[in-house]
Amino acid sequence: MAYTHLTMEDLGWIETYHTIGLSASKIANKLERSKQPVCNVVNYLKQGYTIQDYYARYKKNKSNCGARRKTFTDKEIRYIKDKVASGWTPDVIIGRQEIDLKCSMRTLYRRFKDSPLYLIKRLCP
């Protein structure tokens, strides 16, 4: 079964059950959740924080996750622009490995799909 993050509703129930004195283990059973995330929330509440504090921290931490958008140097942009002008597709540009772009073919295709003129705009002042 895939893990799903705790929702605000789950956090509200955890806070309510914790307030009436249920253990983290019993709360986890009632919510049909793993014990560890519930224990983390309960321990956070025991430190004097609120559910809103917990959720705000979760959102802040989540914003730091994931891959960063790949940026190309001017040299790489010139190379890609020249090859595209010659009729090359992103898979050929990556596959030939004439220069190391440090990105996958899918990333390059995604960049073309998101903004096909991105490479040209970057070269024009």
PDB file of N, CA and C in Angstrom:
ATOM      1  N   MET A   1       0.846  -1.171   0.000  1.00  0.00           N
ATOM      2  CA  MET A   1       0.000   0.000   0.000  1.00  0.00           C
ATOM      3  C   MET A   1       0.898   1.242   0.000  1.00  0.00           C
ATOM      4  N   ALA A   2       0.552   2.220  -0.804  1.00  0.00           N
ATOM      5  CA  ALA A   2       1.337   3.439  -0.903  1.00  0.00           C
ATOM      6  C   ALA A   2       1.078   4.349   0.301  1.00  0.00           C
ATOM      7  N   TYR A   3       2.118   5.058   0.680  1.00  0.00           N
ATOM      8  CA  TYR A   3       1.991   5.984   1.807  1.00  0.00           C
ATOM      9  C   TYR A   3       1.291   7.256   1.346  1.00  0.00           C
ATOM     10  N   THR A   4       0.365   7.746   2.137  1.00  0.00           N
ATOM     11  CA  THR A   4      -0.249   9.048   1.880  1.00  0.00           C
ATOM     12  C   THR A   4       0.035   9.942   3.071  1.00  0.00           C
ATOM     13  N   HIS A   5       0.319  11.188   2.786  1.00  0.00           N
ATOM     14  CA  HIS A   5       0.643  12.140   3.844  1.00  0.00           C
ATOM     15  C   HIS A   5      -0.585  12.416   4.711  1.00  0.00           C
ATOM     16  N   LEU A   6      -0.323  12.835   5.917  1.00  0.00           N
ATOM     17  CA  LEU A   6      -1.410  13.176   6.828  1.00  0.00           C
ATOM     18  C   LEU A   6      -2.100  14.447   6.346  1.00  0.00           C
ATOM     19  N   THR A   7      -3.407  14.415   6.323  1.00  0.00           N
ATOM     20  CA  THR A   7      -4.179  15.589   5.927  1.00  0.00           C
ATOM     21  C   THR A   7      -4.480  16.428   7.171  1.00  0.00           C
ATOM     22  N   MET A   8      -5.012  17.611   6.942  1.00  0.00           N
ATOM     23  CA  MET A   8      -5.404  18.450   8.081  1.00  0.00           C
ATOM     24  C   MET A   8      -6.498  17.759   8.896  1.00  0.00           C
ATOM     25  N   GLU A   9      -7.365  17.008   8.236  1.00  0.00           N
ATOM     26  CA  GLU A   9      -8.400  16.261   8.951  1.00  0.00           C
ATOM     27  C   GLU A   9      -7.765  15.215   9.860  1.00  0.00           C
ATOM     28  N   ASP A  10      -6.774  14.479   9.330  1.00  0.00           N
ATOM     29  CA  ASP A  10      -6.058  13.494  10.146  1.00  0.00           C
ATOM     30  C   ASP A  10      -5.387  14.170  11.341  1.00  0.00           C
ATOM     31  N   LEU A  11      -4.741  15.285  11.075  1.00  0.00           N
ATOM     32  CA  LEU A  11      -4.054  16.000  12.153  1.00  0.00           C
ATOM     33  C   LEU A  11      -5.044  16.472  13.216  1.00  0.00           C
ATOM     34  N   GLY A  12      -6.214  16.899  12.776  1.00  0.00           N
ATOM     35  CA  GLY A  12      -7.251  17.315  13.730  1.00  0.00           C
ATOM     36  C   GLY A  12      -7.686  16.164  14.619  1.00  0.00           C
ATOM     37  N   TRP A  13      -7.867  14.978  14.010  1.00  0.00           N
ATOM     38  CA  TRP A  13      -8.247  13.809  14.795  1.00  0.00           C
ATOM     39  C   TRP A  13      -7.135  13.404  15.757  1.00  0.00           C
ATOM     40  N   ILE A  14      -5.902  13.474  15.289  1.00  0.00           N
ATOM     41  CA  ILE A  14      -4.775  13.131  16.166  1.00  0.00           C
ATOM     42  C   ILE A  14      -4.751  14.063  17.365  1.00  0.00           C
ATOM     43  N   GLU A  15      -4.939  15.350  17.113  1.00  0.00           N
ATOM     44  CA  GLU A  15      -4.943  16.322  18.209  1.00  0.00           C
ATOM     45  C   GLU A  15      -6.084  16.043  19.183  1.00  0.00           C
ATOM     46  N   THR A  16      -7.261  15.757  18.652  1.00  0.00           N
ATOM     47  CA  THR A  16      -8.425  15.479  19.506  1.00  0.00           C
ATOM     48  C   THR A  16      -8.193  14.232  20.351  1.00  0.00           C
ATOM     49  N   TYR A  17      -7.757  13.153  19.709  1.00  0.00           N
ATOM     50  CA  TYR A  17      -7.515  11.912  20.443  1.00  0.00           C
ATOM     51  C   TYR A  17      -6.391  12.072  21.469  1.00  0.00           C
ATOM     52  N   HIS A  18      -5.366  12.839  21.113  1.00  0.00           N
ATOM     53  CA  HIS A  18      -4.262  13.079  22.049  1.00  0.00           C
ATOM     54  C   HIS A  18      -4.758  13.870  23.260  1.00  0.00           C
ATOM     55  N   THR A  19      -5.619  14.841  23.008  1.00  0.00           N
ATOM     56  CA  THR A  19      -6.158  15.672  24.085  1.00  0.00           C
ATOM     57  C   THR A  19      -6.970  14.846  25.081  1.00  0.00           C
ATOM     58  N   ILE A  20      -7.709  13.846  24.576  1.00  0.00           N
ATOM     59  CA  ILE A  20      -8.514  13.024  25.498  1.00  0.00           C
ATOM     60  C   ILE A  20      -7.697  11.887  26.123  1.00  0.00           C
ATOM     61  N   GLY A  21      -6.410  11.793  25.768  1.00  0.00           N
ATOM     62  CA  GLY A  21      -5.515  10.884  26.465  1.00  0.00           C
ATOM     63  C   GLY A  21      -5.227   9.554  25.799  1.00  0.00           C
ATOM     64  N   LEU A  22      -5.605   9.385  24.544  1.00  0.00           N
ATOM     65  CA  LEU A  22      -5.278   8.134  23.866  1.00  0.00           C
ATOM     66  C   LEU A  22      -3.796   8.096  23.512  1.00  0.00           C
ATOM     67  N   SER A  23      -3.241   6.897  23.517  1.00  0.00           N
ATOM     68  CA  SER A  23      -1.830   6.743  23.148  1.00  0.00           C
ATOM     69  C   SER A  23      -1.685   6.861  21.630  1.00  0.00           C
ATOM     70  N   ALA A  24      -0.455   7.129  21.193  1.00  0.00           N
ATOM     71  CA  ALA A  24      -0.190   7.251  19.763  1.00  0.00           C
ATOM     72  C   ALA A  24      -0.522   5.956  19.037  1.00  0.00           C
ATOM     73  N   SER A  25      -0.272   4.833  19.665  1.00  0.00           N
ATOM     74  CA  SER A  25      -0.563   3.536  19.070  1.00  0.00           C
ATOM     75  C   SER A  25      -2.063   3.358  18.831  1.00  0.00           C
ATOM     76  N   LYS A  26      -2.872   3.722  19.824  1.00  0.00           N
ATOM     77  CA  LYS A  26      -4.329   3.600  19.678  1.00  0.00           C
ATOM     78  C   LYS A  26      -4.866   4.596  18.645  1.00  0.00           C
ATOM     79  N   ILE A  27      -4.272   5.777  18.621  1.00  0.00           N
ATOM     80  CA  ILE A  27      -4.686   6.778  17.619  1.00  0.00           C
ATOM     81  C   ILE A  27      -4.396   6.247  16.215  1.00  0.00           C
ATOM     82  N   ALA A  28      -3.219   5.676  16.034  1.00  0.00           N
ATOM     83  CA  ALA A  28      -2.840   5.115  14.731  1.00  0.00           C
ATOM     84  C   ALA A  28      -3.812   4.012  14.314  1.00  0.00           C
ATOM     85  N   ASN A  29      -4.200   3.172  15.251  1.00  0.00           N
ATOM     86  CA  ASN A  29      -5.160   2.112  14.936  1.00  0.00           C
ATOM     87  C   ASN A  29      -6.516   2.682  14.550  1.00  0.00           C
ATOM     88  N   LYS A  30      -6.983   3.676  15.285  1.00  0.00           N
ATOM     89  CA  LYS A  30      -8.281   4.287  14.977  1.00  0.00           C
ATOM     90  C   LYS A  30      -8.288   4.928  13.594  1.00  0.00           C
ATOM     91  N   LEU A  31      -7.175   5.584  13.231  1.00  0.00           N
ATOM     92  CA  LEU A  31      -7.096   6.276  11.940  1.00  0.00           C
ATOM     93  C   LEU A  31      -6.628   5.361  10.811  1.00  0.00           C
ATOM     94  N   GLU A  32      -6.290   4.113  11.176  1.00  0.00           N
ATOM     95  CA  GLU A  32      -5.764   3.142  10.213  1.00  0.00           C
ATOM     96  C   GLU A  32      -4.536   3.708   9.500  1.00  0.00           C
ATOM     97  N   ARG A  33      -3.614   4.204  10.316  1.00  0.00           N
ATOM     98  CA  ARG A  33      -2.361   4.793   9.834  1.00  0.00           C
ATOM     99  C   ARG A  33      -1.186   4.085  10.486  1.00  0.00           C
ATOM    100  N   SER A  34      -0.007   4.288   9.937  1.00  0.00           N
ATOM    101  CA  SER A  34       1.208   3.770  10.559  1.00  0.00           C
ATOM    102  C   SER A  34       1.444   4.494  11.868  1.00  0.00           C
ATOM    103  N   LYS A  35       2.128   3.827  12.782  1.00  0.00           N
ATOM    104  CA  LYS A  35       2.356   4.419  14.106  1.00  0.00           C
ATOM    105  C   LYS A  35       3.361   5.571  14.055  1.00  0.00           C
ATOM    106  N   GLN A  36       4.390   5.446  13.204  1.00  0.00           N
ATOM    107  CA  GLN A  36       5.468   6.424  13.223  1.00  0.00           C
ATOM    108  C   GLN A  36       5.007   7.855  12.917  1.00  0.00           C
ATOM    109  N   PRO A  37       4.243   8.103  11.856  1.00  0.00           N
ATOM    110  CA  PRO A  37       3.815   9.479  11.616  1.00  0.00           C
ATOM    111  C   PRO A  37       2.933  10.032  12.741  1.00  0.00           C
ATOM    112  N   VAL A  38       2.106   9.158  13.307  1.00  0.00           N
ATOM    113  CA  VAL A  38       1.242   9.584  14.418  1.00  0.00           C
ATOM    114  C   VAL A  38       2.103   9.909  15.635  1.00  0.00           C
ATOM    115  N   CYS A  39       3.096   9.071  15.908  1.00  0.00           N
ATOM    116  CA  CYS A  39       4.014   9.347  17.028  1.00  0.00           C
ATOM    117  C   CYS A  39       4.749  10.667  16.815  1.00  0.00           C
ATOM    118  N   ASN A  40       5.150  10.937  15.583  1.00  0.00           N
ATOM    119  CA  ASN A  40       5.837  12.199  15.289  1.00  0.00           C
ATOM    120  C   ASN A  40       4.949  13.390  15.624  1.00  0.00           C
ATOM    121  N   VAL A  41       3.679  13.309  15.244  1.00  0.00           N
ATOM    122  CA  VAL A  41       2.747  14.410  15.519  1.00  0.00           C
ATOM    123  C   VAL A  41       2.508  14.533  17.019  1.00  0.00           C
ATOM    124  N   VAL A  42       2.297  13.413  17.684  1.00  0.00           N
ATOM    125  CA  VAL A  42       2.041  13.441  19.134  1.00  0.00           C
ATOM    126  C   VAL A  42       3.244  14.033  19.867  1.00  0.00           C
ATOM    127  N   ASN A  43       4.441  13.616  19.516  1.00  0.00           N
ATOM    128  CA  ASN A  43       5.640  14.176  20.155  1.00  0.00           C
ATOM    129  C   ASN A  43       5.762  15.666  19.890  1.00  0.00           C
ATOM    130  N   TYR A  44       5.389  16.094  18.700  1.00  0.00           N
ATOM    131  CA  TYR A  44       5.416  17.520  18.369  1.00  0.00           C
ATOM    132  C   TYR A  44       4.411  18.280  19.239  1.00  0.00           C
ATOM    133  N   LEU A  45       3.240  17.693  19.424  1.00  0.00           N
ATOM    134  CA  LEU A  45       2.223  18.322  20.279  1.00  0.00           C
ATOM    135  C   LEU A  45       2.693  18.381  21.734  1.00  0.00           C
ATOM    136  N   LYS A  46       3.397  17.353  22.191  1.00  0.00           N
ATOM    137  CA  LYS A  46       3.893  17.318  23.568  1.00  0.00           C
ATOM    138  C   LYS A  46       4.919  18.414  23.828  1.00  0.00           C
ATOM    139  N   GLN A  47       5.564  18.900  22.775  1.00  0.00           N
ATOM    140  CA  GLN A  47       6.550  19.973  22.919  1.00  0.00           C
ATOM    141  C   GLN A  47       5.887  21.347  23.021  1.00  0.00           C
ATOM    142  N   GLY A  48       4.567  21.384  22.973  1.00  0.00           N
ATOM    143  CA  GLY A  48       3.844  22.637  23.143  1.00  0.00           C
ATOM    144  C   GLY A  48       3.424  23.306  21.842  1.00  0.00           C
ATOM    145  N   TYR A  49       3.627  22.634  20.722  1.00  0.00           N
ATOM    146  CA  TYR A  49       3.229  23.202  19.437  1.00  0.00           C
ATOM    147  C   TYR A  49       1.791  22.819  19.125  1.00  0.00           C
ATOM    148  N   THR A  50       1.253  23.429  18.063  1.00  0.00           N
ATOM    149  CA  THR A  50      -0.114  23.134  17.634  1.00  0.00           C
ATOM    150  C   THR A  50      -0.080  22.390  16.301  1.00  0.00           C
ATOM    151  N   ILE A  51      -1.240  21.924  15.918  1.00  0.00           N
ATOM    152  CA  ILE A  51      -1.378  21.247  14.629  1.00  0.00           C
ATOM    153  C   ILE A  51      -1.078  22.223  13.494  1.00  0.00           C
ATOM    154  N   GLN A  52      -1.479  23.479  13.654  1.00  0.00           N
ATOM    155  CA  GLN A  52      -1.204  24.487  12.620  1.00  0.00           C
ATOM    156  C   GLN A  52       0.305  24.683  12.453  1.00  0.00           C
ATOM    157  N   ASP A  53       1.043  24.669  13.568  1.00  0.00           N
ATOM    158  CA  ASP A  53       2.509  24.769  13.513  1.00  0.00           C
ATOM    159  C   ASP A  53       3.093  23.569  12.766  1.00  0.00           C
ATOM    160  N   TYR A  54       2.565  22.378  13.086  1.00  0.00           N
ATOM    161  CA  TYR A  54       3.048  21.150  12.444  1.00  0.00           C
ATOM    162  C   TYR A  54       2.812  21.207  10.938  1.00  0.00           C
ATOM    163  N   TYR A  55       1.615  21.617  10.530  1.00  0.00           N
ATOM    164  CA  TYR A  55       1.265  21.662   9.109  1.00  0.00           C
ATOM    165  C   TYR A  55       2.084  22.722   8.377  1.00  0.00           C
ATOM    166  N   ALA A  56       2.312  23.859   9.022  1.00  0.00           N
ATOM    167  CA  ALA A  56       3.134  24.912   8.409  1.00  0.00           C
ATOM    168  C   ALA A  56       4.564  24.419   8.203  1.00  0.00           C
ATOM    169  N   ARG A  57       5.104  23.693   9.182  1.00  0.00           N
ATOM    170  CA  ARG A  57       6.448  23.132   9.053  1.00  0.00           C
ATOM    171  C   ARG A  57       6.498  22.094   7.938  1.00  0.00           C
ATOM    172  N   TYR A  58       5.455  21.270   7.852  1.00  0.00           N
ATOM    173  CA  TYR A  58       5.364  20.260   6.795  1.00  0.00           C
ATOM    174  C   TYR A  58       5.367  20.928   5.415  1.00  0.00           C
ATOM    175  N   LYS A  59       4.569  21.974   5.252  1.00  0.00           N
ATOM    176  CA  LYS A  59       4.499  22.669   3.962  1.00  0.00           C
ATOM    177  C   LYS A  59       5.840  23.304   3.606  1.00  0.00           C
ATOM    178  N   LYS A  60       6.508  23.889   4.596  1.00  0.00           N
ATOM    179  CA  LYS A  60       7.810  24.513   4.354  1.00  0.00           C
ATOM    180  C   LYS A  60       8.822  23.465   3.923  1.00  0.00           C
ATOM    181  N   ASN A  61       8.866  22.335   4.637  1.00  0.00           N
ATOM    182  CA  ASN A  61       9.797  21.262   4.294  1.00  0.00           C
ATOM    183  C   ASN A  61       9.491  20.670   2.927  1.00  0.00           C
ATOM    184  N   LYS A  62       8.217  20.547   2.597  1.00  0.00           N
ATOM    185  CA  LYS A  62       7.825  19.966   1.312  1.00  0.00           C
ATOM    186  C   LYS A  62       8.235  20.863   0.152  1.00  0.00           C
ATOM    187  N   SER A  63       8.274  22.165   0.383  1.00  0.00           N
ATOM    188  CA  SER A  63       8.651  23.087  -0.697  1.00  0.00           C
ATOM    189  C   SER A  63      10.122  22.923  -1.082  1.00  0.00           C
ATOM    190  N   ASN A  64      10.916  22.302  -0.218  1.00  0.00           N
ATOM    191  CA  ASN A  64      12.328  22.075  -0.517  1.00  0.00           C
ATOM    192  C   ASN A  64      12.577  20.754  -1.240  1.00  0.00           C
ATOM    193  N   CYS A  65      11.532  19.971  -1.495  1.00  0.00           N
ATOM    194  CA  CYS A  65      11.679  18.659  -2.117  1.00  0.00           C
ATOM    195  C   CYS A  65      11.639  18.766  -3.637  1.00  0.00           C
ATOM    196  N   GLY A  66      12.116  17.714  -4.273  1.00  0.00           N
ATOM    197  CA  GLY A  66      12.015  17.610  -5.723  1.00  0.00           C
ATOM    198  C   GLY A  66      13.243  18.142  -6.441  1.00  0.00           C
ATOM    199  N   ALA A  67      13.289  17.840  -7.709  1.00  0.00           N
ATOM    200  CA  ALA A  67      14.416  18.260  -8.531  1.00  0.00           C
ATOM    201  C   ALA A  67      14.313  19.743  -8.874  1.00  0.00           C
ATOM    202  N   ARG A  68      15.433  20.354  -8.972  1.00  0.00           N
ATOM    203  CA  ARG A  68      15.485  21.765  -9.359  1.00  0.00           C
ATOM    204  C   ARG A  68      15.441  21.856 -10.875  1.00  0.00           C
ATOM    205  N   ARG A  69      14.904  22.945 -11.380  1.00  0.00           N
ATOM    206  CA  ARG A  69      14.815  23.146 -12.811  1.00  0.00           C
ATOM    207  C   ARG A  69      16.219  23.290 -13.382  1.00  0.00           C
ATOM    208  N   LYS A  70      16.491  22.552 -14.458  1.00  0.00           N
ATOM    209  CA  LYS A  70      17.805  22.569 -15.097  1.00  0.00           C
ATOM    210  C   LYS A  70      17.998  23.879 -15.842  1.00  0.00           C
ATOM    211  N   THR A  71      19.118  24.527 -15.587  1.00  0.00           N
ATOM    212  CA  THR A  71      19.464  25.734 -16.342  1.00  0.00           C
ATOM    213  C   THR A  71      20.698  25.431 -17.167  1.00  0.00           C
ATOM    214  N   PHE A  72      20.714  25.966 -18.360  1.00  0.00           N
ATOM    215  CA  PHE A  72      21.829  25.749 -19.273  1.00  0.00           C
ATOM    216  C   PHE A  72      22.726  26.970 -19.309  1.00  0.00           C
ATOM    217  N   THR A  73      24.013  26.723 -19.519  1.00  0.00           N
ATOM    218  CA  THR A  73      24.956  27.828 -19.687  1.00  0.00           C
ATOM    219  C   THR A  73      24.775  28.406 -21.087  1.00  0.00           C
ATOM    220  N   ASP A  74      25.350  29.585 -21.317  1.00  0.00           N
ATOM    221  CA  ASP A  74      25.246  30.201 -22.643  1.00  0.00           C
ATOM    222  C   ASP A  74      25.890  29.315 -23.714  1.00  0.00           C
ATOM    223  N   LYS A  75      26.993  28.656 -23.359  1.00  0.00           N
ATOM    224  CA  LYS A  75      27.663  27.755 -24.301  1.00  0.00           C
ATOM    225  C   LYS A  75      26.745  26.601 -24.686  1.00  0.00           C
ATOM    226  N   GLU A  76      26.062  26.009 -23.693  1.00  0.00           N
ATOM    227  CA  GLU A  76      25.137  24.908 -23.962  1.00  0.00           C
ATOM    228  C   GLU A  76      23.957  25.377 -24.804  1.00  0.00           C
ATOM    229  N   ILE A  77      23.465  26.561 -24.508  1.00  0.00           N
ATOM    230  CA  ILE A  77      22.338  27.102 -25.271  1.00  0.00           C
ATOM    231  C   ILE A  77      22.738  27.311 -26.730  1.00  0.00           C
ATOM    232  N   ARG A  78      23.920  27.873 -26.953  1.00  0.00           N
ATOM    233  CA  ARG A  78      24.397  28.073 -28.325  1.00  0.00           C
ATOM    234  C   ARG A  78      24.509  26.737 -29.057  1.00  0.00           C
ATOM    235  N   TYR A  79      25.060  25.742 -28.376  1.00  0.00           N
ATOM    236  CA  TYR A  79      25.209  24.416 -28.965  1.00  0.00           C
ATOM    237  C   TYR A  79      23.840  23.842 -29.347  1.00  0.00           C
ATOM    238  N   ILE A  80      22.888  23.878 -28.411  1.00  0.00           N
ATOM    239  CA  ILE A  80      21.552  23.330 -28.669  1.00  0.00           C
ATOM    240  C   ILE A  80      20.877  24.082 -29.805  1.00  0.00           C
ATOM    241  N   LYS A  81      21.003  25.408 -29.788  1.00  0.00           N
ATOM    242  CA  LYS A  81      20.384  26.231 -30.834  1.00  0.00           C
ATOM    243  C   LYS A  81      20.962  25.884 -32.205  1.00  0.00           C
ATOM    244  N   ASP A  82      22.265  25.724 -32.271  1.00  0.00           N
ATOM    245  CA  ASP A  82      22.906  25.372 -33.552  1.00  0.00           C
ATOM    246  C   ASP A  82      22.427  24.002 -34.040  1.00  0.00           C
ATOM    247  N   LYS A  83      22.335  23.043 -33.140  1.00  0.00           N
ATOM    248  CA  LYS A  83      21.930  21.695 -33.533  1.00  0.00           C
ATOM    249  C   LYS A  83      20.456  21.653 -33.937  1.00  0.00           C
ATOM    250  N   VAL A  84      19.617  22.405 -33.251  1.00  0.00           N
ATOM    251  CA  VAL A  84      18.197  22.461 -33.618  1.00  0.00           C
ATOM    252  C   VAL A  84      18.050  23.114 -34.990  1.00  0.00           C
ATOM    253  N   ALA A  85      18.841  24.160 -35.248  1.00  0.00           N
ATOM    254  CA  ALA A  85      18.813  24.817 -36.561  1.00  0.00           C
ATOM    255  C   ALA A  85      19.254  23.864 -37.665  1.00  0.00           C
ATOM    256  N   SER A  86      20.097  22.893 -37.312  1.00  0.00           N
ATOM    257  CA  SER A  86      20.559  21.890 -38.279  1.00  0.00           C
ATOM    258  C   SER A  86      19.559  20.749 -38.437  1.00  0.00           C
ATOM    259  N   GLY A  87      18.456  20.803 -37.683  1.00  0.00           N
ATOM    260  CA  GLY A  87      17.419  19.785 -37.801  1.00  0.00           C
ATOM    261  C   GLY A  87      17.507  18.660 -36.792  1.00  0.00           C
ATOM    262  N   TRP A  88      18.381  18.779 -35.810  1.00  0.00           N
ATOM    263  CA  TRP A  88      18.518  17.738 -34.792  1.00  0.00           C
ATOM    264  C   TRP A  88      17.355  17.815 -33.808  1.00  0.00           C
ATOM    265  N   THR A  89      16.949  16.663 -33.302  1.00  0.00           N
ATOM    266  CA  THR A  89      15.929  16.607 -32.264  1.00  0.00           C
ATOM    267  C   THR A  89      16.625  16.437 -30.907  1.00  0.00           C
ATOM    268  N   PRO A  90      15.923  16.698 -29.813  1.00  0.00           N
ATOM    269  CA  PRO A  90      16.550  16.556 -28.499  1.00  0.00           C
ATOM    270  C   PRO A  90      17.168  15.182 -28.234  1.00  0.00           C
ATOM    271  N   ASP A  91      16.542  14.109 -28.728  1.00  0.00           N
ATOM    272  CA  ASP A  91      17.126  12.783 -28.476  1.00  0.00           C
ATOM    273  C   ASP A  91      18.444  12.607 -29.227  1.00  0.00           C
ATOM    274  N   VAL A  92      18.578  13.212 -30.390  1.00  0.00           N
ATOM    275  CA  VAL A  92      19.839  13.133 -31.132  1.00  0.00           C
ATOM    276  C   VAL A  92      20.899  13.991 -30.435  1.00  0.00           C
ATOM    277  N   ILE A  93      20.502  15.169 -29.964  1.00  0.00           N
ATOM    278  CA  ILE A  93      21.440  16.059 -29.270  1.00  0.00           C
ATOM    279  C   ILE A  93      22.027  15.362 -28.045  1.00  0.00           C
ATOM    280  N   ILE A  94      21.177  14.715 -27.251  1.00  0.00           N
ATOM    281  CA  ILE A  94      21.639  14.010 -26.061  1.00  0.00           C
ATOM    282  C   ILE A  94      22.399  12.742 -26.458  1.00  0.00           C
ATOM    283  N   GLY A  95      21.871  12.007 -27.434  1.00  0.00           N
ATOM    284  CA  GLY A  95      22.462  10.730 -27.822  1.00  0.00           C
ATOM    285  C   GLY A  95      23.857  10.852 -28.409  1.00  0.00           C
ATOM    286  N   ARG A  96      24.137  11.913 -29.141  1.00  0.00           N
ATOM    287  CA  ARG A  96      25.455  12.077 -29.748  1.00  0.00           C
ATOM    288  C   ARG A  96      26.533  12.381 -28.714  1.00  0.00           C
ATOM    289  N   GLN A  97      26.156  12.972 -27.610  1.00  0.00           N
ATOM    290  CA  GLN A  97      27.061  13.272 -26.492  1.00  0.00           C
ATOM    291  C   GLN A  97      28.303  14.045 -26.929  1.00  0.00           C
ATOM    292  N   GLU A  98      28.107  15.002 -27.830  1.00  0.00           N
ATOM    293  CA  GLU A  98      29.249  15.826 -28.245  1.00  0.00           C
ATOM    294  C   GLU A  98      29.691  16.740 -27.108  1.00  0.00           C
ATOM    295  N   ILE A  99      28.728  17.224 -26.349  1.00  0.00           N
ATOM    296  CA  ILE A  99      29.037  17.929 -25.094  1.00  0.00           C
ATOM    297  C   ILE A  99      28.134  17.355 -24.012  1.00  0.00           C
ATOM    298  N   ASP A 100      28.572  17.449 -22.785  1.00  0.00           N
ATOM    299  CA  ASP A 100      27.805  16.903 -21.661  1.00  0.00           C
ATOM    300  C   ASP A 100      26.817  17.962 -21.178  1.00  0.00           C
ATOM    301  N   LEU A 101      25.524  17.746 -21.456  1.00  0.00           N
ATOM    302  CA  LEU A 101      24.494  18.707 -21.036  1.00  0.00           C
ATOM    303  C   LEU A 101      24.006  18.455 -19.619  1.00  0.00           C
ATOM    304  N   LYS A 102      24.400  17.341 -19.015  1.00  0.00           N
ATOM    305  CA  LYS A 102      24.002  16.995 -17.644  1.00  0.00           C
ATOM    306  C   LYS A 102      22.480  16.995 -17.464  1.00  0.00           C
ATOM    307  N   CYS A 103      21.793  16.521 -18.490  1.00  0.00           N
ATOM    308  CA  CYS A 103      20.349  16.344 -18.379  1.00  0.00           C
ATOM    309  C   CYS A 103      19.952  15.174 -19.266  1.00  0.00           C
ATOM    310  N   SER A 104      18.775  14.653 -19.030  1.00  0.00           N
ATOM    311  CA  SER A 104      18.299  13.524 -19.821  1.00  0.00           C
ATOM    312  C   SER A 104      17.573  14.025 -21.063  1.00  0.00           C
ATOM    313  N   MET A 105      17.320  13.096 -21.959  1.00  0.00           N
ATOM    314  CA  MET A 105      16.571  13.426 -23.167  1.00  0.00           C
ATOM    315  C   MET A 105      15.174  13.914 -22.790  1.00  0.00           C
ATOM    316  N   ARG A 106      14.574  13.278 -21.804  1.00  0.00           N
ATOM    317  CA  ARG A 106      13.224  13.684 -21.376  1.00  0.00           C
ATOM    318  C   ARG A 106      13.220  15.113 -20.854  1.00  0.00           C
ATOM    319  N   THR A 107      14.275  15.484 -20.107  1.00  0.00           N
ATOM    320  CA  THR A 107      14.355  16.849 -19.590  1.00  0.00           C
ATOM    321  C   THR A 107      14.454  17.843 -20.735  1.00  0.00           C
ATOM    322  N   LEU A 108      15.272  17.531 -21.716  1.00  0.00           N
ATOM    323  CA  LEU A 108      15.428  18.429 -22.858  1.00  0.00           C
ATOM    324  C   LEU A 108      14.126  18.539 -23.645  1.00  0.00           C
ATOM    325  N   TYR A 109      13.447  17.416 -23.877  1.00  0.00           N
ATOM    326  CA  TYR A 109      12.140  17.456 -24.543  1.00  0.00           C
ATOM    327  C   TYR A 109      11.151  18.301 -23.742  1.00  0.00           C
ATOM    328  N   ARG A 110      11.173  18.121 -22.418  1.00  0.00           N
ATOM    329  CA  ARG A 110      10.267  18.884 -21.563  1.00  0.00           C
ATOM    330  C   ARG A 110      10.525  20.382 -21.704  1.00  0.00           C
ATOM    331  N   ARG A 111      11.781  20.770 -21.768  1.00  0.00           N
ATOM    332  CA  ARG A 111      12.125  22.187 -21.930  1.00  0.00           C
ATOM    333  C   ARG A 111      11.618  22.728 -23.264  1.00  0.00           C
ATOM    334  N   PHE A 112      11.734  21.922 -24.329  1.00  0.00           N
ATOM    335  CA  PHE A 112      11.211  22.343 -25.626  1.00  0.00           C
ATOM    336  C   PHE A 112       9.694  22.459 -25.580  1.00  0.00           C
ATOM    337  N   LYS A 113       9.039  21.519 -24.912  1.00  0.00           N
ATOM    338  CA  LYS A 113       7.581  21.517 -24.828  1.00  0.00           C
ATOM    339  C   LYS A 113       7.085  22.707 -24.004  1.00  0.00           C
ATOM    340  N   ASP A 114       7.757  22.966 -22.870  1.00  0.00           N
ATOM    341  CA  ASP A 114       7.350  24.067 -22.000  1.00  0.00           C
ATOM    342  C   ASP A 114       7.510  25.413 -22.690  1.00  0.00           C
ATOM    343  N   SER A 115       8.623  25.590 -23.362  1.00  0.00           N
ATOM    344  CA  SER A 115       8.910  26.875 -23.982  1.00  0.00           C
ATOM    345  C   SER A 115       9.868  26.673 -25.153  1.00  0.00           C
ATOM    346  N   PRO A 116       9.339  26.391 -26.352  1.00  0.00           N
ATOM    347  CA  PRO A 116      10.205  26.101 -27.484  1.00  0.00           C
ATOM    348  C   PRO A 116      11.132  27.256 -27.844  1.00  0.00           C
ATOM    349  N   LEU A 117      10.736  28.462 -27.532  1.00  0.00           N
ATOM    350  CA  LEU A 117      11.576  29.602 -27.867  1.00  0.00           C
ATOM    351  C   LEU A 117      12.526  29.976 -26.739  1.00  0.00           C
ATOM    352  N   TYR A 118      12.513  29.210 -25.661  1.00  0.00           N
ATOM    353  CA  TYR A 118      13.351  29.506 -24.494  1.00  0.00           C
ATOM    354  C   TYR A 118      14.823  29.670 -24.888  1.00  0.00           C
ATOM    355  N   LEU A 119      15.310  28.740 -25.687  1.00  0.00           N
ATOM    356  CA  LEU A 119      16.723  28.774 -26.046  1.00  0.00           C
ATOM    357  C   LEU A 119      17.062  30.003 -26.878  1.00  0.00           C
ATOM    358  N   ILE A 120      16.173  30.366 -27.780  1.00  0.00           N
ATOM    359  CA  ILE A 120      16.425  31.534 -28.630  1.00  0.00           C
ATOM    360  C   ILE A 120      16.315  32.817 -27.809  1.00  0.00           C
ATOM    361  N   LYS A 121      15.317  32.895 -26.923  1.00  0.00           N
ATOM    362  CA  LYS A 121      15.129  34.099 -26.111  1.00  0.00           C
ATOM    363  C   LYS A 121      16.331  34.357 -25.202  1.00  0.00           C
ATOM    364  N   ARG A 122      16.946  33.262 -24.688  1.00  0.00           N
ATOM    365  CA  ARG A 122      18.078  33.420 -23.798  1.00  0.00           C
ATOM    366  C   ARG A 122      19.280  34.044 -24.501  1.00  0.00           C
ATOM    367  N   LEU A 123      19.397  33.849 -25.823  1.00  0.00           N
ATOM    368  CA  LEU A 123      20.550  34.380 -26.565  1.00  0.00           C
ATOM    369  C   LEU A 123      20.343  35.810 -27.036  1.00  0.00           C
ATOM    370  N   CYS A 124      19.094  36.228 -27.125  1.00  0.00           N
ATOM    371  CA  CYS A 124      18.801  37.575 -27.612  1.00  0.00           C
ATOM    372  C   CYS A 124      18.733  38.536 -26.420  1.00  0.00           C
ATOM    373  N   PRO A 125      19.504  39.612 -26.436  1.00  0.00           N
ATOM    374  CA  PRO A 125      19.459  40.549 -25.305  1.00  0.00           C
ATOM    375  C   PRO A 125      18.186  41.364 -25.262  1.00  0.00           C
TER     376      PRO A 125
END
